[in-house]
Amino acid sequence: MRERIREFLASEHEVLGAFEDCESLVEAVDQFRPELVILDISIPIMGGFLAAEHIRENSPSIKIVFVTQHSERAYVERAMLLGASAYVLKRDMVTDLMGAIREASTGHTFISPRLRAEPRRNVTLL
């Protein structure tokens, strides 16, 4: 998936790297200070949320775009609370990712339309 995203983006963006774990990603972000980082919540070692926290603390101007398989509202909400600029489902990557990057780059937020369309469910806790 990492290489697929890299190839997809290369036509319009300079891709500084594709990393298989959070430690490598965080080191590269600290070194190169990119404008935007694409994260997967399930990236090995520390996970995308912890990587996002590190990026936000050390480089608050970097835009964070999550590309993930997780469609549960709790994941979306946590990503947004961590300061993510966009949340894209992997299954919608081809149709949504470039738009998400454009929105993030201009200071707006983007959430895959499939997620925005899902109604909230009422839950009663006992």
C-alpha atoms as a PDB file:
ATOM      1  CA  MET A   1       0.000   0.000   0.000  1.00  0.00           C
ATOM      2  CA  ARG A   2       2.868   2.355   0.851  1.00  0.00           C
ATOM      3  CA  GLU A   3       4.369   2.036  -2.625  1.00  0.00           C
ATOM      4  CA  ARG A   4       0.966   2.377  -4.254  1.00  0.00           C
ATOM      5  CA  ILE A   5       0.405   5.686  -2.461  1.00  0.00           C
ATOM      6  CA  ARG A   6       3.904   6.848  -3.363  1.00  0.00           C
ATOM      7  CA  GLU A   7       3.362   6.122  -7.063  1.00  0.00           C
ATOM      8  CA  PHE A   8      -0.089   7.707  -6.980  1.00  0.00           C
ATOM      9  CA  LEU A   9       1.259  10.947  -5.491  1.00  0.00           C
ATOM     10  CA  ALA A  10       4.461  11.189  -7.537  1.00  0.00           C
ATOM     11  CA  SER A  11       2.634  12.637 -10.545  1.00  0.00           C
ATOM     12  CA  GLU A  12       1.699  15.819  -8.637  1.00  0.00           C
ATOM     13  CA  HIS A  13       3.867  15.929  -5.526  1.00  0.00           C
ATOM     14  CA  GLU A  14       7.454  15.533  -4.432  1.00  0.00           C
ATOM     15  CA  VAL A  15       7.518  12.440  -2.237  1.00  0.00           C
ATOM     16  CA  LEU A  16      10.391  12.563   0.255  1.00  0.00           C
ATOM     17  CA  GLY A  17      10.048   8.969   1.382  1.00  0.00           C
ATOM     18  CA  ALA A  18       7.855   6.028   2.229  1.00  0.00           C
ATOM     19  CA  PHE A  19       8.499   4.438   5.603  1.00  0.00           C
ATOM     20  CA  GLU A  20       7.523   1.054   6.976  1.00  0.00           C
ATOM     21  CA  ASP A  21       7.481   2.056  10.644  1.00  0.00           C
ATOM     22  CA  CYS A  22       6.849   5.089  12.820  1.00  0.00           C
ATOM     23  CA  GLU A  23      10.396   5.420  14.097  1.00  0.00           C
ATOM     24  CA  SER A  24      11.760   5.893  10.569  1.00  0.00           C
ATOM     25  CA  LEU A  25       8.920   8.233   9.682  1.00  0.00           C
ATOM     26  CA  VAL A  26       9.350  10.405  12.769  1.00  0.00           C
ATOM     27  CA  GLU A  27      13.110  10.661  12.203  1.00  0.00           C
ATOM     28  CA  ALA A  28      12.548  11.754   8.592  1.00  0.00           C
ATOM     29  CA  VAL A  29       9.893  14.292   9.602  1.00  0.00           C
ATOM     30  CA  ASP A  30      12.222  15.770  12.210  1.00  0.00           C
ATOM     31  CA  GLN A  31      15.029  15.961   9.658  1.00  0.00           C
ATOM     32  CA  PHE A  32      13.203  17.186   6.529  1.00  0.00           C
ATOM     33  CA  ARG A  33      10.204  19.088   7.970  1.00  0.00           C
ATOM     34  CA  PRO A  34       7.815  18.321   5.080  1.00  0.00           C
ATOM     35  CA  GLU A  35       4.681  20.361   4.481  1.00  0.00           C
ATOM     36  CA  LEU A  36       2.440  17.315   4.790  1.00  0.00           C
ATOM     37  CA  VAL A  37       2.654  13.772   6.171  1.00  0.00           C
ATOM     38  CA  ILE A  38       0.435  10.859   5.205  1.00  0.00           C
ATOM     39  CA  LEU A  39      -0.046   8.389   8.050  1.00  0.00           C
ATOM     40  CA  ASP A  40      -1.725   5.045   8.475  1.00  0.00           C
ATOM     41  CA  ILE A  41      -3.235   4.509  11.913  1.00  0.00           C
ATOM     42  CA  SER A  42      -1.917   0.934  11.873  1.00  0.00           C
ATOM     43  CA  ILE A  43       1.709   1.742  10.968  1.00  0.00           C
ATOM     44  CA  PRO A  44       4.019  -0.591  12.936  1.00  0.00           C
ATOM     45  CA  ILE A  45       5.851   0.159  16.177  1.00  0.00           C
ATOM     46  CA  MET A  46       4.188   3.219  17.723  1.00  0.00           C
ATOM     47  CA  GLY A  47       1.114   3.543  15.516  1.00  0.00           C
ATOM     48  CA  GLY A  48      -0.171   6.482  13.536  1.00  0.00           C
ATOM     49  CA  PHE A  49      -1.828   8.259  16.439  1.00  0.00           C
ATOM     50  CA  LEU A  50       1.385   8.398  18.487  1.00  0.00           C
ATOM     51  CA  ALA A  51       3.315   9.505  15.412  1.00  0.00           C
ATOM     52  CA  ALA A  52       0.732  12.263  14.870  1.00  0.00           C
ATOM     53  CA  GLU A  53       1.142  13.398  18.492  1.00  0.00           C
ATOM     54  CA  HIS A  54       4.923  13.590  18.027  1.00  0.00           C
ATOM     55  CA  ILE A  55       4.579  15.520  14.770  1.00  0.00           C
ATOM     56  CA  ARG A  56       2.028  17.916  16.254  1.00  0.00           C
ATOM     57  CA  GLU A  57       4.236  18.601  19.318  1.00  0.00           C
ATOM     58  CA  ASN A  58       7.465  19.107  17.363  1.00  0.00           C
ATOM     59  CA  SER A  59       6.237  20.539  14.065  1.00  0.00           C
ATOM     60  CA  PRO A  60       2.742  21.969  14.505  1.00  0.00           C
ATOM     61  CA  SER A  61       2.621  23.501  11.021  1.00  0.00           C
ATOM     62  CA  ILE A  62       2.937  20.119   9.260  1.00  0.00           C
ATOM     63  CA  LYS A  63      -0.385  18.938   7.852  1.00  0.00           C
ATOM     64  CA  ILE A  64      -1.359  15.370   8.736  1.00  0.00           C
ATOM     65  CA  VAL A  65      -3.468  13.234   6.422  1.00  0.00           C
ATOM     66  CA  PHE A  66      -4.582   9.814   7.634  1.00  0.00           C
ATOM     67  CA  VAL A  67      -5.113   7.098   5.012  1.00  0.00           C
ATOM     68  CA  THR A  68      -6.581   4.106   6.782  1.00  0.00           C
ATOM     69  CA  GLN A  69      -8.952   1.169   6.672  1.00  0.00           C
ATOM     70  CA  HIS A  70     -10.592   2.233   9.962  1.00  0.00           C
ATOM     71  CA  SER A  71     -14.047   3.681   9.326  1.00  0.00           C
ATOM     72  CA  GLU A  72     -15.253   3.736  12.928  1.00  0.00           C
ATOM     73  CA  ARG A  73     -16.267   7.182  14.157  1.00  0.00           C
ATOM     74  CA  ALA A  74     -13.999   6.919  17.229  1.00  0.00           C
ATOM     75  CA  TYR A  75     -10.933   6.707  14.964  1.00  0.00           C
ATOM     76  CA  VAL A  76     -12.034   9.695  12.898  1.00  0.00           C
ATOM     77  CA  GLU A  77     -12.729  11.750  16.019  1.00  0.00           C
ATOM     78  CA  ARG A  78      -9.370  10.881  17.584  1.00  0.00           C
ATOM     79  CA  ALA A  79      -7.548  11.785  14.372  1.00  0.00           C
ATOM     80  CA  MET A  80      -9.292  15.161  14.260  1.00  0.00           C
ATOM     81  CA  LEU A  81      -8.567  15.796  17.949  1.00  0.00           C
ATOM     82  CA  LEU A  82      -4.890  15.154  17.199  1.00  0.00           C
ATOM     83  CA  GLY A  83      -5.013  17.897  14.596  1.00  0.00           C
ATOM     84  CA  ALA A  84      -5.335  15.856  11.424  1.00  0.00           C
ATOM     85  CA  SER A  85      -6.205  17.853   8.335  1.00  0.00           C
ATOM     86  CA  ALA A  86      -7.740  14.912   6.501  1.00  0.00           C
ATOM     87  CA  TYR A  87      -9.034  11.381   7.008  1.00  0.00           C
ATOM     88  CA  VAL A  88      -9.241   9.174   3.924  1.00  0.00           C
ATOM     89  CA  LEU A  89     -10.385   5.576   3.749  1.00  0.00           C
ATOM     90  CA  LYS A  90      -8.014   3.293   1.842  1.00  0.00           C
ATOM     91  CA  ARG A  91     -10.893   1.953  -0.216  1.00  0.00           C
ATOM     92  CA  ASP A  92     -11.616   5.534  -1.368  1.00  0.00           C
ATOM     93  CA  MET A  93      -8.003   6.584  -1.843  1.00  0.00           C
ATOM     94  CA  VAL A  94      -8.152   6.893  -5.639  1.00  0.00           C
ATOM     95  CA  THR A  95     -11.138   9.237  -5.530  1.00  0.00           C
ATOM     96  CA  ASP A  96     -10.382  11.119  -2.297  1.00  0.00           C
ATOM     97  CA  LEU A  97      -6.652  11.407  -1.603  1.00  0.00           C
ATOM     98  CA  MET A  98      -5.670  14.180  -4.028  1.00  0.00           C
ATOM     99  CA  GLY A  99      -8.644  16.277  -2.932  1.00  0.00           C
ATOM    100  CA  ALA A 100      -7.779  15.665   0.708  1.00  0.00           C
ATOM    101  CA  ILE A 101      -4.216  16.842   0.124  1.00  0.00           C
ATOM    102  CA  ARG A 102      -5.444  19.970  -1.676  1.00  0.00           C
ATOM    103  CA  GLU A 103      -7.859  20.759   1.149  1.00  0.00           C
ATOM    104  CA  ALA A 104      -5.199  20.152   3.809  1.00  0.00           C
ATOM    105  CA  SER A 105      -2.687  22.318   1.939  1.00  0.00           C
ATOM    106  CA  THR A 106      -5.104  25.250   1.959  1.00  0.00           C
ATOM    107  CA  GLY A 107      -5.859  24.930   5.674  1.00  0.00           C
ATOM    108  CA  HIS A 108      -9.161  23.096   5.345  1.00  0.00           C
ATOM    109  CA  THR A 109     -10.163  19.689   6.621  1.00  0.00           C
ATOM    110  CA  PHE A 110     -11.334  16.724   4.611  1.00  0.00           C
ATOM    111  CA  ILE A 111     -13.120  13.550   5.666  1.00  0.00           C
ATOM    112  CA  SER A 112     -13.987  10.868   3.120  1.00  0.00           C
ATOM    113  CA  PRO A 113     -17.582  11.510   2.021  1.00  0.00           C
ATOM    114  CA  ARG A 114     -18.496   7.902   2.817  1.00  0.00           C
ATOM    115  CA  LEU A 115     -17.767   8.639   6.504  1.00  0.00           C
ATOM    116  CA  ARG A 116     -19.624  11.933   6.588  1.00  0.00           C
ATOM    117  CA  ALA A 117     -22.712  10.253   5.140  1.00  0.00           C
ATOM    118  CA  GLU A 118     -23.003   7.625   7.841  1.00  0.00           C
ATOM    119  CA  PRO A 119     -25.661   8.590  10.410  1.00  0.00           C
ATOM    120  CA  ARG A 120     -24.801   8.741  14.076  1.00  0.00           C
ATOM    121  CA  ARG A 121     -26.303   5.926  16.077  1.00  0.00           C
ATOM    122  CA  ASN A 122     -27.942   6.454  19.428  1.00  0.00           C
ATOM    123  CA  VAL A 123     -26.456   4.252  22.116  1.00  0.00           C
ATOM    124  CA  THR A 124     -27.781   3.728  25.602  1.00  0.00           C
ATOM    125  CA  LEU A 125     -25.247   2.804  28.247  1.00  0.00           C
ATOM    126  CA  LEU A 126     -26.459   0.674  31.133  1.00  0.00           C
END
